[in-house]
Amino acid sequence: MADHTVPALTMHHGLTIPQFGLGTYKVPPEEAQRVVEDGAEVGYRHFDTAQMYQNEKEVGLGLAASGLAREDYFLTTKLNNSNHLPDDARRSFDQSLTDLGVDYVDLFLIHWPLPTLYNGDFVSTWKVLEEFYADGRARSIGVSNFLEHHLQELFDHCDTVPMINQVESHPYLPMRELHEFHGQHAILTQAWSPLARGNLVDDKTLTRIGQQYDKTASQVALRWAIQRGDIVFPKSMQKQRMIENLSIFDFELSDADMATIFTLDMGENGRTGSHPNTMDRI
């Protein structure tokens, strides 16, 4: 499927971001270059990594080997939890650019707010990201796993509203109130684990809806996220699965189907990852 079929969303500062990308969480370094090359070959133009994933260098090698011009792909990485202190953030960002083999990233995120580990001082960390944005080495900046009260801290003490908040979001955990809060502040939502770490692939409701469109439960879940306005980047290490995940732009869920999928909401019982208020691991 050609990459031009993937829609782009516009962030509040005017830069666009492809709404669909390839995640590299838990892609081992020894596989990451191949995975990125395969993704580029089948049409992905948005790639998501992180310092925590320990595969930035290999992701960069994959992008270099893909033959894509730098301006033709969107690249995201994230600040590791151990690098929140300002000087550590600056040093590690420089290292990320070196490892990725690029002069700039399209998006740089604070990976977790770490509310107690640093006494809630993600504000000083965010001000360092504002430096990266000001000097052009991060074309966009944002956060990951922030809730409303974390975001409000930034609004109260910083100059730049995050362009993106990357959070766990899927039919079992749709995070509707947070999505509404994002909308009120022109923040785009990126949904990590859009398939609930594989828990959705056999869901009976999604399977039944998919039969109407000759699509899998996974494709239905991804299409639901796209139609509600989320940016998604499912991880896969298999080229055929990458193609399958990308093949969601030739159908549209009805309003009734969208409403039915929202009924799968399990609240906090649907969460597959850590809660942002308690996750303080380095």
Protein backbone atom coordinates (compact mmCIF):
# COMPACT_ATOMS: atom_id res chain seq x y z
CA MET A 1 0.00 0.00 0.00
CA ALA A 2 1.43 3.36 -1.00
CA ASP A 3 2.42 5.72 1.73
CA HIS A 4 0.33 8.57 0.30
CA THR A 5 -2.81 6.82 1.52
CA VAL A 6 -1.86 7.56 5.13
CA PRO A 7 -3.48 10.82 6.29
CA ALA A 8 -1.52 13.48 8.15
CA LEU A 9 -2.66 15.58 11.08
CA THR A 10 -1.51 19.13 11.76
CA MET A 11 -0.05 19.95 15.16
CA HIS A 12 -0.84 23.29 16.77
CA HIS A 13 2.43 24.84 15.58
CA GLY A 14 1.72 23.93 11.96
CA LEU A 15 3.90 20.86 11.39
CA THR A 16 2.16 17.78 10.08
CA ILE A 17 2.54 14.23 11.39
CA PRO A 18 1.54 11.01 9.59
CA GLN A 19 -1.38 9.49 11.46
CA PHE A 20 -0.02 5.96 11.12
CA GLY A 21 3.49 4.76 11.89
CA LEU A 22 5.70 1.88 12.96
CA GLY A 23 6.53 1.32 16.62
CA THR A 24 9.82 -0.23 17.73
CA TYR A 25 9.11 -0.96 21.41
CA LYS A 26 10.73 -4.29 22.35
CA VAL A 27 12.31 -4.65 18.92
CA PRO A 28 15.76 -6.05 19.79
CA PRO A 29 18.70 -4.02 18.50
CA GLU A 30 19.83 -6.91 16.33
CA GLU A 31 16.46 -6.87 14.54
CA ALA A 32 15.69 -3.14 14.49
CA GLN A 33 17.55 -2.21 11.31
CA ARG A 34 15.79 -4.91 9.30
CA VAL A 35 12.41 -4.05 10.80
CA VAL A 36 12.77 -0.37 9.88
CA GLU A 37 13.98 -1.20 6.38
CA ASP A 38 10.99 -3.53 5.90
CA GLY A 39 8.63 -0.85 7.19
CA ALA A 40 10.03 1.75 4.83
CA GLU A 41 9.79 -0.69 1.93
CA VAL A 42 6.07 -1.36 2.44
CA GLY A 43 5.17 2.31 2.86
CA TYR A 44 5.72 3.46 6.46
CA ARG A 45 6.98 7.03 6.77
CA HIS A 46 6.60 7.54 10.52
CA PHE A 47 8.92 5.73 12.94
CA ASP A 48 8.77 5.76 16.74
CA THR A 49 11.63 4.82 19.05
CA ALA A 50 12.98 5.87 22.47
CA GLN A 51 16.18 6.03 24.46
CA MET A 52 14.64 3.39 26.72
CA TYR A 53 14.29 0.93 23.82
CA GLN A 54 18.07 0.81 23.32
CA ASN A 55 17.68 0.53 19.54
CA GLU A 56 18.07 4.14 18.36
CA LYS A 57 21.34 3.42 16.56
CA GLU A 58 19.84 0.49 14.66
CA VAL A 59 16.67 2.43 13.84
CA GLY A 60 18.92 5.13 12.41
CA LEU A 61 20.85 2.57 10.38
CA GLY A 62 17.58 1.21 9.01
CA LEU A 63 16.45 4.66 7.95
CA ALA A 64 19.81 5.37 6.33
CA ALA A 65 19.69 2.06 4.45
CA SER A 66 16.09 2.65 3.34
CA GLY A 67 17.13 5.31 0.86
CA LEU A 68 14.49 7.71 2.15
CA ALA A 69 15.46 11.37 2.15
CA ARG A 70 15.42 12.89 5.64
CA GLU A 71 12.49 15.16 4.78
CA ASP A 72 10.43 12.17 3.64
CA TYR A 73 9.99 10.48 7.01
CA PHE A 74 8.84 11.51 10.50
CA LEU A 75 11.04 10.37 13.40
CA THR A 76 10.13 10.34 17.09
CA THR A 77 12.26 9.47 20.10
CA LYS A 78 11.80 9.91 23.84
CA LEU A 79 13.77 10.92 26.91
CA ASN A 80 14.78 8.04 29.15
CA ASN A 81 13.53 8.13 32.74
CA SER A 82 17.09 8.31 34.08
CA ASN A 83 17.79 11.51 32.10
CA HIS A 84 15.25 13.96 33.53
CA LEU A 85 17.72 16.31 35.19
CA PRO A 86 18.43 19.21 32.80
CA ASP A 87 22.08 18.46 32.06
CA ASP A 88 21.32 14.76 31.66
CA ALA A 89 18.49 15.61 29.27
CA ARG A 90 20.79 17.79 27.16
CA ARG A 91 23.54 15.19 27.07
CA SER A 92 21.24 12.31 26.22
CA PHE A 93 19.44 14.27 23.51
CA ASP A 94 22.78 14.96 21.83
CA GLN A 95 23.53 11.26 22.05
CA SER A 96 20.15 10.36 20.52
CA LEU A 97 20.85 12.55 17.51
CA THR A 98 24.27 10.93 17.13
CA ASP A 99 22.90 7.41 17.48
CA LEU A 100 20.04 8.07 15.07
CA GLY A 101 22.42 9.66 12.59
CA VAL A 102 20.29 12.79 12.11
CA ASP A 103 20.59 16.52 12.69
CA TYR A 104 17.08 16.78 14.10
CA VAL A 105 14.12 14.69 15.20
CA ASP A 106 10.59 15.53 14.20
CA LEU A 107 9.27 14.88 17.71
CA PHE A 108 10.95 14.51 21.10
CA LEU A 109 8.94 13.41 24.13
CA ILE A 110 9.31 13.15 27.90
CA HIS A 111 8.63 9.43 28.24
CA TRP A 112 7.02 9.40 31.73
CA PRO A 113 6.16 12.16 34.24
CA LEU A 114 7.74 10.23 37.16
CA PRO A 115 5.65 12.13 39.73
CA THR A 116 7.49 11.14 42.91
CA LEU A 117 10.95 10.12 41.74
CA TYR A 118 11.86 13.71 40.86
CA ASN A 119 9.36 15.32 43.26
CA GLY A 120 7.11 16.07 40.33
CA ASP A 121 9.69 18.33 38.72
CA PHE A 122 9.03 17.46 35.10
CA VAL A 123 8.58 21.21 34.59
CA SER A 124 12.35 21.83 34.55
CA THR A 125 12.71 18.88 32.17
CA TRP A 126 10.09 20.36 29.86
CA LYS A 127 11.93 23.68 29.80
CA VAL A 128 14.97 21.84 28.43
CA LEU A 129 12.79 20.37 25.68
CA GLU A 130 11.72 23.92 24.90
CA GLU A 131 15.42 24.65 24.27
CA PHE A 132 15.60 21.81 21.74
CA TYR A 133 12.48 23.16 20.03
CA ALA A 134 13.83 26.71 19.96
CA ASP A 135 17.11 25.67 18.33
CA GLY A 136 15.38 23.47 15.75
CA ARG A 137 16.91 20.15 16.74
CA ALA A 138 13.45 18.98 17.79
CA ARG A 139 10.89 20.16 15.26
CA SER A 140 8.13 19.32 17.75
CA ILE A 141 8.07 18.48 21.45
CA GLY A 142 5.59 16.60 23.55
CA VAL A 143 5.03 14.25 26.42
CA SER A 144 4.08 10.65 26.99
CA ASN A 145 1.92 9.12 29.70
CA PHE A 146 0.87 12.49 31.12
CA LEU A 147 -2.58 12.89 32.64
CA GLU A 148 -4.62 16.07 32.93
CA HIS A 149 -3.00 17.26 36.16
CA HIS A 150 0.50 16.70 34.77
CA LEU A 151 -0.36 18.72 31.68
CA GLN A 152 -1.85 21.50 33.77
CA GLU A 153 1.48 21.84 35.58
CA LEU A 154 3.13 22.54 32.25
CA PHE A 155 0.44 25.03 31.26
CA ASP A 156 0.93 26.88 34.54
CA HIS A 157 4.73 27.13 34.44
CA CYS A 158 5.93 26.84 30.83
CA ASP A 159 5.62 28.71 27.57
CA THR A 160 4.99 25.88 25.13
CA VAL A 161 1.92 23.66 25.10
CA PRO A 162 2.92 20.09 24.17
CA MET A 163 2.10 19.26 20.58
CA ILE A 164 1.54 15.58 21.39
CA ASN A 165 0.68 13.38 24.36
CA GLN A 166 1.44 9.71 23.78
CA VAL A 167 -0.67 7.52 26.08
CA GLU A 168 -1.99 4.00 26.29
CA SER A 169 -5.31 4.07 24.45
CA HIS A 170 -7.39 1.35 22.79
CA PRO A 171 -11.00 0.08 22.89
CA TYR A 172 -10.52 -1.44 26.36
CA LEU A 173 -9.02 1.85 27.65
CA PRO A 174 -10.32 4.68 25.43
CA MET A 175 -9.32 7.49 27.84
CA ARG A 176 -12.25 9.64 26.73
CA GLU A 177 -11.86 12.40 29.32
CA LEU A 178 -8.16 12.80 28.54
CA HIS A 179 -8.92 12.93 24.82
CA GLU A 180 -11.43 15.70 25.46
CA PHE A 181 -8.87 17.60 27.54
CA HIS A 182 -6.37 17.28 24.71
CA GLY A 183 -8.93 18.68 22.31
CA GLN A 184 -9.52 21.69 24.52
CA HIS A 185 -5.80 22.51 24.39
CA ALA A 186 -5.06 21.57 20.75
CA ILE A 187 -2.89 18.61 21.81
CA LEU A 188 -2.91 15.59 19.49
CA THR A 189 -3.26 12.12 20.99
CA GLN A 190 -0.86 9.33 20.09
CA ALA A 191 -2.14 5.92 21.14
CA TRP A 192 0.50 3.47 22.24
CA SER A 193 -0.46 -0.18 22.47
CA PRO A 194 -3.48 0.40 20.17
CA LEU A 195 -4.07 -3.37 20.16
CA ALA A 196 -3.84 -3.64 23.98
CA ARG A 197 -0.61 -5.64 23.66
CA GLY A 198 -2.39 -8.23 21.55
CA ASN A 199 -5.40 -8.64 23.83
CA LEU A 200 -7.73 -7.30 21.14
CA VAL A 201 -6.78 -9.59 18.30
CA ASP A 202 -9.40 -12.21 19.21
CA ASP A 203 -12.06 -9.89 20.62
CA LYS A 204 -15.46 -11.24 19.58
CA THR A 205 -17.08 -7.85 19.08
CA LEU A 206 -14.25 -6.54 16.93
CA THR A 207 -14.16 -9.81 14.99
CA ARG A 208 -17.89 -9.60 14.29
CA ILE A 209 -17.63 -6.00 13.13
CA GLY A 210 -14.65 -6.88 10.97
CA GLN A 211 -16.57 -9.58 9.14
CA GLN A 212 -18.77 -6.85 7.63
CA TYR A 213 -15.72 -5.26 6.03
CA ASP A 214 -13.56 -8.35 5.42
CA LYS A 215 -11.12 -7.07 8.05
CA THR A 216 -9.52 -8.57 11.14
CA ALA A 217 -10.25 -7.52 14.72
CA SER A 218 -6.85 -5.80 14.79
CA GLN A 219 -7.61 -3.80 11.67
CA VAL A 220 -10.95 -2.75 13.15
CA ALA A 221 -9.28 -1.55 16.37
CA LEU A 222 -6.70 0.44 14.40
CA ARG A 223 -9.36 1.93 12.13
CA TRP A 224 -11.41 2.94 15.20
CA ALA A 225 -8.40 4.80 16.58
CA ILE A 226 -7.79 6.56 13.27
CA GLN A 227 -11.42 7.65 12.97
CA ARG A 228 -11.46 9.11 16.47
CA GLY A 229 -8.43 11.17 15.53
CA ASP A 230 -5.60 9.28 17.22
CA ILE A 231 -2.12 8.76 15.81
CA VAL A 232 -1.18 5.07 15.99
CA PHE A 233 2.07 3.17 15.47
CA PRO A 234 1.58 -0.57 16.05
CA LYS A 235 4.77 -2.56 16.41
CA SER A 236 5.42 -5.56 14.22
CA MET A 237 8.59 -7.42 13.27
CA GLN A 238 6.92 -9.27 10.39
CA LYS A 239 6.61 -7.59 6.98
CA GLN A 240 3.26 -9.24 6.19
CA ARG A 241 1.80 -8.05 9.50
CA MET A 242 3.11 -4.53 8.81
CA ILE A 243 1.21 -4.60 5.50
CA GLU A 244 -1.91 -5.91 7.22
CA ASN A 245 -1.78 -3.19 9.88
CA LEU A 246 -1.35 -0.52 7.23
CA SER A 247 -4.29 -1.83 5.18
CA ILE A 248 -6.98 0.11 7.04
CA PHE A 249 -7.51 3.05 4.72
CA ASP A 250 -9.85 1.34 2.25
CA PHE A 251 -12.85 1.12 4.58
CA GLU A 252 -14.67 3.25 7.13
CA LEU A 253 -16.48 2.16 10.27
CA SER A 254 -20.08 3.30 10.62
CA ASP A 255 -21.16 5.55 13.47
CA ALA A 256 -22.97 2.56 14.97
CA ASP A 257 -19.84 0.43 14.85
CA MET A 258 -17.79 3.20 16.42
CA ALA A 259 -20.33 3.48 19.25
CA THR A 260 -20.33 -0.29 19.77
CA ILE A 261 -16.55 -0.36 20.07
CA PHE A 262 -16.67 2.36 22.73
CA THR A 263 -18.84 0.02 24.84
CA LEU A 264 -15.80 -2.26 25.22
CA ASP A 265 -14.37 0.29 27.68
CA MET A 266 -13.11 -1.53 30.77
CA GLY A 267 -11.79 1.54 32.55
CA GLU A 268 -8.65 0.95 34.58
CA ASN A 269 -9.18 -2.79 34.29
CA GLY A 270 -8.33 -2.43 30.61
CA ARG A 271 -4.90 -0.90 31.25
CA THR A 272 -2.02 -3.11 30.11
CA GLY A 273 0.87 -0.84 31.17
CA SER A 274 1.84 1.13 34.25
CA HIS A 275 -0.33 3.93 35.61
CA PRO A 276 1.28 7.37 35.13
CA ASN A 277 0.64 8.34 38.76
CA THR A 278 2.58 5.39 40.14
CA MET A 279 5.18 4.56 37.49
CA ASP A 280 8.50 5.82 38.90
CA ARG A 281 10.99 3.24 37.71
CA ILE A 282 14.24 4.43 36.15
